[in-house]
Amino acid sequence: MAGQQQTPYPLRLAPELRETLEAIAKEKGRSLNAEITLRLEESLKVQVNAQADSDLIKLIGAEIRQIVREELSLAKRVG
């Protein structure tokens, strides 16, 4: 988002959560906004990666089912 004007967004946080995030941000040398933004971006990456993994698992499952069907068909013809 470099170079783009960001629209402010008021965010209500529980005081304990804000204090925790502020402490982590300070420890990491980031602003509270940068810490929240980073955490949101990372959570979205995890979600996208999980969906990609799920799609890959479905594809592999379909390939395995096809191989098993072919092997069973071949075994019936030979046996």
Protein backbone atom coordinates (compact mmCIF):
# COMPACT_ATOMS: atom_id res chain seq x y z
CA MET A 1 0.00 0.00 0.00
CA ALA A 2 2.97 2.28 -0.26
CA GLY A 3 2.13 5.60 -1.81
CA GLN A 4 -1.62 5.23 -1.32
CA GLN A 5 -3.59 7.48 1.00
CA GLN A 6 -5.10 5.33 3.74
CA THR A 7 -8.53 6.11 5.10
CA PRO A 8 -8.59 6.27 8.91
CA TYR A 9 -10.74 3.63 10.54
CA PRO A 10 -11.75 3.99 14.17
CA LEU A 11 -11.29 0.63 15.86
CA ARG A 12 -12.73 -0.25 19.23
CA LEU A 13 -10.55 -2.62 21.21
CA ALA A 14 -10.92 -4.02 24.68
CA PRO A 15 -8.42 -2.18 26.89
CA GLU A 16 -6.52 -5.39 27.70
CA LEU A 17 -6.17 -6.26 24.01
CA ARG A 18 -4.98 -2.75 23.18
CA GLU A 19 -2.41 -2.85 25.98
CA THR A 20 -1.14 -6.23 24.80
CA LEU A 21 -0.87 -5.08 21.19
CA GLU A 22 0.82 -1.84 22.23
CA ALA A 23 3.39 -3.75 24.30
CA ILE A 24 4.14 -6.13 21.42
CA ALA A 25 4.35 -3.26 18.94
CA LYS A 26 6.76 -1.37 21.21
CA GLU A 27 8.89 -4.49 21.66
CA LYS A 28 9.06 -4.94 17.87
CA GLY A 29 9.67 -1.25 17.17
CA ARG A 30 6.37 -0.76 15.37
CA SER A 31 3.41 1.54 15.82
CA LEU A 32 0.13 0.11 17.08
CA ASN A 33 -1.34 0.63 13.61
CA ALA A 34 1.58 -1.22 11.97
CA GLU A 35 1.21 -4.11 14.42
CA ILE A 36 -2.53 -4.46 13.83
CA THR A 37 -2.08 -4.17 10.05
CA LEU A 38 0.68 -6.79 10.02
CA ARG A 39 -1.39 -9.21 12.07
CA LEU A 40 -4.43 -8.77 9.84
CA GLU A 41 -2.35 -9.30 6.70
CA GLU A 42 -0.76 -12.44 8.17
CA SER A 43 -4.14 -13.86 9.13
CA LEU A 44 -5.39 -13.35 5.57
CA LYS A 45 -2.31 -15.09 4.16
CA VAL A 46 -3.00 -18.07 6.41
CA GLN A 47 -6.60 -18.17 5.19
CA VAL A 48 -5.54 -17.99 1.53
CA ASN A 49 -2.89 -20.68 2.06
CA ALA A 50 -5.40 -22.91 3.83
CA GLN A 51 -7.79 -22.60 0.89
CA ALA A 52 -5.00 -23.40 -1.57
CA ASP A 53 -4.02 -26.43 0.52
CA SER A 54 -7.65 -27.56 0.63
CA ASP A 55 -7.95 -27.24 -3.14
CA LEU A 56 -4.73 -29.21 -3.63
CA ILE A 57 -5.90 -31.95 -1.27
CA LYS A 58 -9.17 -32.25 -3.23
CA LEU A 59 -7.24 -32.49 -6.50
CA ILE A 60 -4.89 -35.15 -5.15
CA GLY A 61 -7.87 -37.07 -3.73
CA ALA A 62 -9.56 -37.04 -7.13
CA GLU A 63 -6.36 -38.28 -8.79
CA ILE A 64 -6.00 -41.09 -6.24
CA ARG A 65 -9.63 -42.16 -6.72
CA GLN A 66 -9.10 -42.28 -10.48
CA ILE A 67 -5.95 -44.40 -10.10
CA VAL A 68 -7.74 -46.79 -7.73
CA ARG A 69 -10.67 -47.13 -10.18
CA GLU A 70 -8.26 -47.89 -13.02
CA GLU A 71 -6.35 -50.43 -10.93
CA LEU A 72 -9.57 -52.16 -9.82
CA SER A 73 -10.80 -52.29 -13.39
CA LEU A 74 -7.51 -53.74 -14.54
CA ALA A 75 -7.52 -56.31 -11.72
CA LYS A 76 -11.05 -57.45 -12.70
CA ARG A 77 -9.98 -57.94 -16.31
CA VAL A 78 -6.79 -59.83 -15.39
CA GLY A 79 -8.16 -61.85 -12.43
